[in-house]
């Protein structure tokens, strides 16, 4: 990989946003309509922006949304990395590496201990220290027959909600879910309106506008979904989000989604790994998991800050030898001591109990990936028997980390 001597990295000025968007559309083979171009322009204007320049020519760009991400027991500032692109003429010349290095520098100055992204190509970002912090699963219901459930659905009335009223109604409820599940970023009213409930779906323009069904007053659960006709009365229902206070509320929402006229399949993408739907279903052949995939990729830019900020489920005292080739300040043996739910992280001189790359530490950080699983995979080395189990007990969360907010 040869870096051209004229290649340099700096803040991408607002005057270059249109150039950055043109390059992104070229790289991702997109031709969005005017309203989406306007939205993308505004999103970049509000983001931290990094440009890669060959002389005065823009050959790469990266944006970082200013997020607040839920972590166990709290939340932390986070750089939401998006719109990452490299001109096809400058591949394998160090453009991406240079932009990521500049991102990490900006994280330090902005006070972002975390960075996160959704990877278009998962193979790329592990080498920069990102690990899959949350996972999702796609669940499919054959709704040509009534959905059989083992739990009696909540029989309170359901109601359809106008999307314009959704931020005010659903927003406070969604915020409560962030206290339970790590990996979710705070949604502004603009995010609800311009990202989550946008009228025309970017991936499938034939889908309906978003529909919202709610149960309970005060709100006890809701689902956001879209439908599409297949011309034969068996079209799909795509479920983008479903939240419920109780199994009975969840059962009522799933029963509703599986009984919409002129549809034959309910496809719920990105469901949490501990989603109870398969347990609720009386016929496991009717409800199937069709895919499991990494969702939010997480980077611990400031390892001490990230570890001290989260809550812990058990006391632990271990020496972790962390490798971080991009941010050497995170590297080396450190003693993690957790007492009463609070952690300290100090340099250690003694032998390590566990040795791992910062990528693996990121995968475990939110509680979604067991350390012991990575030991068995040969990605974490356990020098002291029982160390992985002890760390897993401390990292444990009641609910699996989860997010469906792509960016």
Protein backbone atom coordinates (compact mmCIF):
# COMPACT_ATOMS: atom_id res chain seq x y z
CA UNK A 1 0.00 0.00 0.00
CA UNK A 2 1.71 3.19 -1.23
CA UNK A 3 0.56 6.55 0.10
CA UNK A 4 0.96 9.35 -2.43
CA UNK A 5 3.10 12.21 -1.08
CA UNK A 6 0.35 14.76 -1.84
CA UNK A 7 -2.24 12.84 0.23
CA UNK A 8 -3.35 14.65 3.38
CA UNK A 9 -6.27 14.57 5.82
CA UNK A 10 -8.13 17.48 7.33
CA UNK A 11 -11.49 18.89 8.31
CA UNK A 12 -13.82 18.78 5.34
CA UNK A 13 -15.25 22.31 5.03
CA UNK A 14 -18.93 22.97 4.52
CA UNK A 15 -18.15 24.21 1.02
CA UNK A 16 -17.00 20.66 0.11
CA UNK A 17 -20.12 18.84 1.31
CA UNK A 18 -21.58 18.59 -2.18
CA UNK A 19 -18.27 17.18 -3.43
CA UNK A 20 -18.32 14.61 -0.61
CA UNK A 21 -21.88 13.58 -1.44
CA UNK A 22 -21.08 13.23 -5.14
CA UNK A 23 -18.16 10.97 -4.25
CA UNK A 24 -20.30 8.90 -1.84
CA UNK A 25 -23.02 8.40 -4.47
CA UNK A 26 -20.35 7.32 -6.96
CA UNK A 27 -18.82 4.81 -4.55
CA UNK A 28 -22.14 3.36 -3.34
CA UNK A 29 -23.75 3.39 -6.81
CA UNK A 30 -26.63 5.57 -5.65
CA UNK A 31 -28.77 8.27 -7.28
CA UNK A 32 -31.05 9.51 -4.51
CA UNK A 33 -33.94 11.84 -5.13
CA UNK A 34 -33.68 15.52 -4.33
CA UNK A 35 -35.30 15.31 -0.89
CA UNK A 36 -32.82 12.63 0.24
CA UNK A 37 -29.89 14.59 -1.18
CA UNK A 38 -31.06 17.58 0.82
CA UNK A 39 -31.34 15.40 3.93
CA UNK A 40 -27.85 13.94 3.42
CA UNK A 41 -26.47 17.45 2.96
CA UNK A 42 -28.02 18.58 6.23
CA UNK A 43 -26.78 15.47 8.03
CA UNK A 44 -23.21 16.11 6.90
CA UNK A 45 -23.49 19.77 7.81
CA UNK A 46 -24.33 18.78 11.40
CA UNK A 47 -21.61 16.09 11.58
CA UNK A 48 -17.89 16.12 12.23
CA UNK A 49 -16.33 15.71 8.78
CA UNK A 50 -12.96 14.40 7.62
CA UNK A 51 -11.70 14.73 4.07
CA UNK A 52 -8.84 12.97 2.29
CA UNK A 53 -7.22 15.16 -0.34
CA UNK A 54 -4.78 14.37 -3.10
CA UNK A 55 -3.49 17.86 -3.66
CA UNK A 56 -6.72 19.84 -3.82
CA UNK A 57 -8.77 16.88 -5.11
CA UNK A 58 -11.18 15.20 -2.66
CA UNK A 59 -10.53 11.43 -2.81
CA UNK A 60 -12.21 10.24 0.38
CA UNK A 61 -14.50 11.40 3.16
CA UNK A 62 -15.83 10.26 6.51
CA UNK A 63 -18.54 11.74 8.72
CA UNK A 64 -19.17 11.26 12.44
CA UNK A 65 -22.64 11.88 13.85
CA UNK A 66 -22.70 13.17 17.42
CA UNK A 67 -24.52 10.45 19.33
CA UNK A 68 -25.19 9.51 22.91
CA UNK A 69 -25.05 5.71 23.15
CA UNK A 70 -26.55 3.64 25.94
CA UNK A 71 -24.06 1.44 27.81
CA UNK A 72 -24.80 -0.81 30.78
CA UNK A 73 -25.90 1.47 33.59
CA UNK A 74 -25.62 4.73 31.68
CA UNK A 75 -24.67 6.38 28.40
CA UNK A 76 -21.60 7.82 26.73
CA UNK A 77 -20.82 10.26 23.91
CA UNK A 78 -20.15 8.34 20.71
CA UNK A 79 -19.01 9.11 17.18
CA UNK A 80 -21.52 7.56 14.80
CA UNK A 81 -19.32 6.88 11.78
CA UNK A 82 -21.09 7.10 8.44
CA UNK A 83 -20.70 8.08 4.77
CA UNK A 84 -17.22 6.51 4.63
CA UNK A 85 -15.94 6.37 1.08
CA UNK A 86 -12.75 6.24 -0.97
CA UNK A 87 -12.51 7.21 -4.63
CA UNK A 88 -12.09 4.11 -6.84
CA UNK A 89 -8.89 5.68 -8.23
CA UNK A 90 -7.32 5.73 -4.73
CA UNK A 91 -8.06 2.31 -3.28
CA UNK A 92 -5.26 0.65 -1.28
CA UNK A 93 -3.29 3.85 -0.95
CA UNK A 94 -3.85 4.43 2.75
CA UNK A 95 -6.84 6.75 2.33
CA UNK A 96 -9.12 4.87 4.74
CA UNK A 97 -6.31 4.32 7.27
CA UNK A 98 -5.52 8.02 7.24
CA UNK A 99 -9.15 9.04 7.74
CA UNK A 100 -9.62 6.57 10.60
CA UNK A 101 -6.46 7.86 12.30
CA UNK A 102 -7.83 11.38 11.99
CA UNK A 103 -11.17 10.16 13.38
CA UNK A 104 -9.46 8.77 16.47
CA UNK A 105 -7.63 12.06 16.95
CA UNK A 106 -10.94 13.91 16.71
CA UNK A 107 -12.54 11.53 19.20
CA UNK A 108 -9.87 12.55 21.68
CA UNK A 109 -10.43 16.27 21.18
CA UNK A 110 -14.23 15.95 21.13
CA UNK A 111 -14.37 13.71 24.22
CA UNK A 112 -15.85 10.67 22.48
CA UNK A 113 -14.67 7.49 24.26
CA UNK A 114 -16.63 5.35 21.75
CA UNK A 115 -17.04 5.16 18.00
CA UNK A 116 -19.66 3.01 16.28
CA UNK A 117 -20.77 2.14 12.77
CA UNK A 118 -22.77 -0.23 10.59
CA UNK A 119 -20.33 -1.95 8.27
CA UNK A 120 -21.15 -2.25 4.58
CA UNK A 121 -18.24 -4.71 4.41
CA UNK A 122 -17.60 -6.38 7.77
CA UNK A 123 -14.10 -7.53 6.83
CA UNK A 124 -12.80 -3.94 6.75
CA UNK A 125 -13.31 -2.54 10.21
CA UNK A 126 -11.97 -5.26 12.47
CA UNK A 127 -8.44 -4.27 11.54
CA UNK A 128 -9.15 -0.79 12.93
CA UNK A 129 -10.22 -2.18 16.31
CA UNK A 130 -14.00 -2.37 15.79
CA UNK A 131 -15.82 -5.40 17.16
CA UNK A 132 -19.47 -6.35 16.76
CA UNK A 133 -21.03 -4.83 19.88
CA UNK A 134 -24.58 -5.94 19.09
CA UNK A 135 -26.09 -8.67 16.98
CA UNK A 136 -29.48 -9.00 15.34
CA UNK A 137 -31.62 -11.76 13.95
CA UNK A 138 -34.27 -11.82 11.26
CA UNK A 139 -37.43 -13.66 12.29
CA UNK A 140 -40.04 -14.71 9.75
CA UNK A 141 -43.66 -15.65 10.43
CA UNK A 142 -45.76 -17.62 7.97
CA UNK A 143 -48.98 -15.64 8.43
CA UNK A 144 -51.10 -17.48 5.89
CA UNK A 145 -52.62 -19.19 8.91
CA UNK A 146 -53.45 -17.51 12.25
CA UNK A 147 -50.45 -17.12 14.53
CA UNK A 148 -50.70 -19.68 17.32
CA UNK A 149 -49.36 -18.40 20.65
CA UNK A 150 -48.67 -20.02 24.02
CA UNK A 151 -49.32 -16.76 25.90
CA UNK A 152 -52.70 -15.06 25.97
CA UNK A 153 -52.44 -11.68 24.22
CA UNK A 154 -53.23 -8.47 26.08
CA UNK A 155 -56.79 -7.68 25.02
CA UNK A 156 -56.67 -3.93 25.50
CA UNK A 157 -57.56 -2.04 22.30
CA UNK A 158 -54.92 -1.42 19.67
CA UNK A 159 -54.77 1.90 17.85
CA UNK A 160 -53.01 3.20 14.75
CA UNK A 161 -50.83 6.26 15.33
CA UNK A 162 -50.25 9.04 12.84
CA UNK A 163 -46.48 9.15 12.12
CA UNK A 164 -46.50 12.90 12.73
CA UNK A 165 -47.59 12.21 16.32
CA UNK A 166 -45.11 9.38 16.84
CA UNK A 167 -42.10 11.27 18.22
CA UNK A 168 -44.13 12.73 21.09
CA UNK A 169 -45.85 9.42 21.88
CA UNK A 170 -43.13 6.87 21.22
CA UNK A 171 -40.09 8.97 22.10
CA UNK A 172 -40.36 8.74 25.92
CA UNK A 173 -41.11 5.01 25.67
CA UNK A 174 -38.10 4.40 23.46
CA UNK A 175 -35.91 6.31 25.90
CA UNK A 176 -36.94 3.86 28.62
CA UNK A 177 -35.77 0.97 26.43
CA UNK A 178 -32.31 2.59 26.30
CA UNK A 179 -32.06 2.19 30.06
CA UNK A 180 -32.64 -1.56 29.67
CA UNK A 181 -30.63 -2.33 26.55
CA UNK A 182 -27.15 -1.11 25.74
CA UNK A 183 -26.21 -0.11 22.21
CA UNK A 184 -29.07 2.31 21.50
CA UNK A 185 -28.49 5.94 20.67
CA UNK A 186 -30.80 8.74 21.70
CA UNK A 187 -33.30 9.70 18.99
CA UNK A 188 -34.04 13.35 18.45
CA UNK A 189 -37.37 14.46 17.02
CA UNK A 190 -35.56 15.09 13.73
CA UNK A 191 -34.18 11.54 13.77
CA UNK A 192 -37.66 10.10 14.28
CA UNK A 193 -39.05 12.22 11.46
CA UNK A 194 -36.23 12.18 8.90
CA UNK A 195 -34.64 8.77 9.47
CA UNK A 196 -36.84 6.37 11.33
CA UNK A 197 -40.25 7.34 9.95
CA UNK A 198 -39.30 8.66 6.52
CA UNK A 199 -42.26 8.22 4.19
CA UNK A 200 -40.45 6.44 1.35
CA UNK A 201 -38.13 3.59 2.24
CA UNK A 202 -34.73 3.99 0.56
CA UNK A 203 -34.13 0.24 0.21
CA UNK A 204 -37.54 -0.67 -1.22
CA UNK A 205 -39.59 2.12 -2.72
CA UNK A 206 -42.57 -0.23 -3.22
CA UNK A 207 -43.14 -0.53 0.53
CA UNK A 208 -45.88 1.51 2.14
CA UNK A 209 -45.16 4.53 4.31
CA UNK A 210 -44.50 3.59 7.95
CA UNK A 211 -47.45 2.29 9.93
CA UNK A 212 -47.50 2.44 13.73
CA UNK A 213 -49.70 0.37 16.00
CA UNK A 214 -49.79 1.06 19.73
CA UNK A 215 -51.32 -0.67 22.74
CA UNK A 216 -52.24 0.77 26.12
CA UNK A 217 -52.79 4.17 27.67
CA UNK A 218 -50.30 4.85 29.09
CA UNK A 219 -48.35 3.23 26.27
CA UNK A 220 -47.40 -0.41 26.96
CA UNK A 221 -45.96 -1.31 23.56
CA UNK A 222 -45.83 -0.44 19.89
CA UNK A 223 -44.72 -1.71 16.50
CA UNK A 224 -43.45 0.16 13.44
CA UNK A 225 -44.03 -1.68 10.18
CA UNK A 226 -44.48 -1.33 6.41
CA UNK A 227 -46.50 -3.44 3.96
CA UNK A 228 -46.36 -4.24 0.26
CA UNK A 229 -48.80 -5.85 -2.15
CA UNK A 230 -47.68 -8.82 -4.19
CA UNK A 231 -50.79 -8.80 -6.38
CA UNK A 232 -51.90 -12.19 -5.04
CA UNK A 233 -53.03 -11.34 -1.51
CA UNK A 234 -49.90 -12.69 0.20
CA UNK A 235 -47.68 -9.62 0.43
CA UNK A 236 -45.04 -9.09 3.11
CA UNK A 237 -45.21 -7.14 6.34
CA UNK A 238 -41.80 -5.74 7.27
CA UNK A 239 -41.46 -5.06 10.98
CA UNK A 240 -38.88 -2.39 11.72
CA UNK A 241 -39.38 -2.16 15.47
CA UNK A 242 -41.46 -3.78 18.17
CA UNK A 243 -41.25 -2.94 21.87
CA UNK A 244 -43.45 -4.33 24.62
CA UNK A 245 -43.64 -4.10 28.39
CA UNK A 246 -44.89 -7.67 28.90
CA UNK A 247 -45.11 -10.96 26.99
CA UNK A 248 -48.88 -10.45 26.73
CA UNK A 249 -48.38 -7.06 25.05
CA UNK A 250 -45.82 -8.57 22.67
CA UNK A 251 -48.24 -11.39 21.86
CA UNK A 252 -50.98 -8.87 21.03
CA UNK A 253 -48.71 -6.92 18.70
CA UNK A 254 -47.39 -10.01 16.91
CA UNK A 255 -50.94 -11.37 16.53
CA UNK A 256 -52.00 -8.08 14.94
CA UNK A 257 -49.04 -8.02 12.53
CA UNK A 258 -49.69 -11.63 11.49
CA UNK A 259 -53.37 -10.96 10.77
CA UNK A 260 -53.16 -7.98 8.41
CA UNK A 261 -55.37 -8.61 5.39
CA UNK A 262 -53.80 -9.45 2.02
CA UNK A 263 -50.45 -10.40 3.52
CA UNK A 264 -48.82 -13.80 3.98
CA UNK A 265 -45.42 -13.20 5.57
CA UNK A 266 -44.19 -11.15 8.50
CA UNK A 267 -40.47 -10.45 8.30
CA UNK A 268 -38.93 -8.81 11.37
CA UNK A 269 -35.30 -7.88 10.74
CA UNK A 270 -32.75 -7.04 13.40
CA UNK A 271 -34.62 -8.45 16.37
CA UNK A 272 -32.67 -8.74 19.66
CA UNK A 273 -30.96 -12.04 20.30
CA UNK A 274 -33.13 -12.62 23.38
CA UNK A 275 -36.40 -11.84 21.60
CA UNK A 276 -39.07 -14.09 23.23
CA UNK A 277 -41.15 -14.56 20.06
CA UNK A 278 -39.90 -18.07 19.38
CA UNK A 279 -40.85 -19.06 22.92
CA UNK A 280 -44.28 -17.44 22.51
CA UNK A 281 -45.00 -19.32 19.29
CA UNK A 282 -46.99 -22.54 19.66
CA UNK A 283 -45.80 -23.80 16.27
CA UNK A 284 -42.04 -23.38 15.85
CA UNK A 285 -42.35 -24.25 12.16
CA UNK A 286 -44.50 -21.13 11.72
CA UNK A 287 -41.86 -18.82 13.28
CA UNK A 288 -38.30 -19.21 11.99
CA UNK A 289 -34.98 -17.42 12.43
CA UNK A 290 -33.70 -16.87 8.89
CA UNK A 291 -30.47 -14.98 9.64
CA UNK A 292 -28.19 -13.81 12.44
CA UNK A 293 -25.74 -10.98 11.82
CA UNK A 294 -23.51 -8.37 13.47
CA UNK A 295 -25.37 -5.07 13.81
CA UNK A 296 -23.59 -2.19 15.54
CA UNK A 297 -19.80 -2.32 15.36
CA UNK A 298 -18.15 -0.68 18.35
CA UNK A 299 -14.70 0.83 18.94
CA UNK A 300 -13.33 1.61 22.41
CA UNK A 301 -11.29 4.71 21.61
CA UNK A 302 -10.70 5.49 25.28
CA UNK A 303 -10.56 2.11 27.01
CA UNK A 304 -10.17 3.46 30.59
CA UNK A 305 -13.02 5.94 30.12
CA UNK A 306 -15.33 3.33 28.61
CA UNK A 307 -14.67 0.71 31.29
CA UNK A 308 -15.10 3.15 34.16
CA UNK A 309 -18.36 4.53 32.77
CA UNK A 310 -20.39 1.31 32.57
CA UNK A 311 -21.98 -0.58 35.45
CA UNK A 312 -20.86 -4.08 36.41
CA UNK A 313 -22.80 -7.13 37.58
CA UNK A 314 -20.11 -8.67 39.83
CA UNK A 315 -16.83 -7.80 41.49
CA UNK A 316 -13.68 -8.84 39.66
CA UNK A 317 -9.93 -8.33 39.93
CA UNK A 318 -8.01 -9.30 36.77
CA UNK A 319 -5.01 -8.19 34.75
CA UNK A 320 -5.90 -7.76 31.07
CA UNK A 321 -3.15 -7.42 28.47
CA UNK A 322 -4.77 -5.41 25.68
CA UNK A 323 -3.29 -4.94 22.20
CA UNK A 324 -4.24 -1.81 20.28
CA UNK A 325 -2.01 -1.13 17.29
CA UNK A 326 -3.83 2.07 16.34
CA UNK A 327 -4.04 3.68 19.79
CA UNK A 328 -1.01 2.56 21.80
CA UNK A 329 -2.24 4.38 24.93
CA UNK A 330 -4.82 1.60 25.30
CA UNK A 331 -2.21 -1.17 25.03
CA UNK A 332 -0.38 -3.14 27.66
CA UNK A 333 -1.27 -4.98 30.85
CA UNK A 334 -3.78 -3.20 33.09
CA UNK A 335 -5.54 -4.27 36.24
CA UNK A 336 -9.31 -4.15 36.05
CA UNK A 337 -10.76 -3.96 39.55
CA UNK A 338 -14.51 -3.84 40.01
CA UNK A 339 -15.97 -3.31 43.45
CA UNK A 340 -19.54 -2.40 44.23
CA UNK A 341 -20.36 -1.91 40.56
CA UNK A 342 -17.56 0.60 39.91
CA UNK A 343 -14.38 -0.09 37.97
CA UNK A 344 -10.80 1.10 38.12
CA UNK A 345 -8.26 0.53 35.33
CA UNK A 346 -4.60 0.96 36.18
CA UNK A 347 -1.29 -0.12 34.59
CA UNK A 348 -0.09 -3.45 35.95
CA UNK A 349 3.33 -5.02 36.15
CA UNK A 350 2.30 -8.57 36.98
CA UNK A 351 1.41 -11.42 34.60
CA UNK A 352 -1.82 -11.13 32.66
CA UNK A 353 -4.88 -13.25 33.41
CA UNK A 354 -6.28 -12.62 29.91
CA UNK A 355 -4.69 -11.34 26.71
CA UNK A 356 -6.88 -9.87 23.98
CA UNK A 357 -7.06 -7.35 21.18
CA UNK A 358 -9.08 -4.18 21.66
CA UNK A 359 -11.44 -5.53 18.97
CA UNK A 360 -12.44 -8.42 21.22
CA UNK A 361 -12.77 -6.11 24.21
CA UNK A 362 -15.20 -3.99 22.17
CA UNK A 363 -17.27 -7.08 21.29
CA UNK A 364 -17.61 -7.94 24.98
CA UNK A 365 -18.06 -4.42 26.32
CA UNK A 366 -21.88 -4.14 26.03
CA UNK A 367 -22.42 -7.68 27.32
CA UNK A 368 -23.42 -9.26 24.02
CA UNK A 369 -20.44 -11.55 23.40
CA UNK A 370 -19.11 -13.83 26.16
CA UNK A 371 -15.36 -13.69 26.74
CA UNK A 372 -15.34 -17.46 27.19
CA UNK A 373 -16.76 -17.83 23.67
CA UNK A 374 -13.82 -15.86 22.29
CA UNK A 375 -11.39 -17.96 24.33
CA UNK A 376 -12.82 -21.09 22.71
CA UNK A 377 -12.46 -19.39 19.31
CA UNK A 378 -8.76 -18.76 19.97
CA UNK A 379 -9.19 -14.97 19.88
CA UNK A 380 -8.61 -14.39 23.60
CA UNK A 381 -5.88 -16.15 25.56
CA UNK A 382 -6.75 -17.23 29.08
CA UNK A 383 -3.59 -17.46 31.17
CA UNK A 384 -5.41 -17.95 34.48
CA UNK A 385 -8.09 -20.67 34.53
CA UNK A 386 -11.48 -19.19 35.34
CA UNK A 387 -10.52 -15.64 34.36
CA UNK A 388 -12.88 -15.56 31.37
CA UNK A 389 -15.80 -16.80 33.45
CA UNK A 390 -15.06 -14.19 36.12
CA UNK A 391 -14.99 -11.38 33.56
CA UNK A 392 -18.18 -12.65 31.94
CA UNK A 393 -19.95 -12.57 35.30
CA UNK A 394 -18.90 -8.95 35.74
CA UNK A 395 -19.92 -7.95 32.18
CA UNK A 396 -23.32 -9.70 32.32
CA UNK A 397 -26.43 -7.66 31.51
CA UNK A 398 -30.07 -8.60 32.04
CA UNK A 399 -30.99 -7.87 28.44
CA UNK A 400 -28.93 -8.44 25.30
CA UNK A 401 -27.56 -5.25 23.74
CA UNK A 402 -29.52 -4.31 20.68
CA UNK A 403 -30.19 -1.59 18.14
CA UNK A 404 -32.00 -1.25 14.84
CA UNK A 405 -30.96 2.34 14.09
CA UNK A 406 -28.76 2.19 11.00
CA UNK A 407 -26.79 5.27 10.05
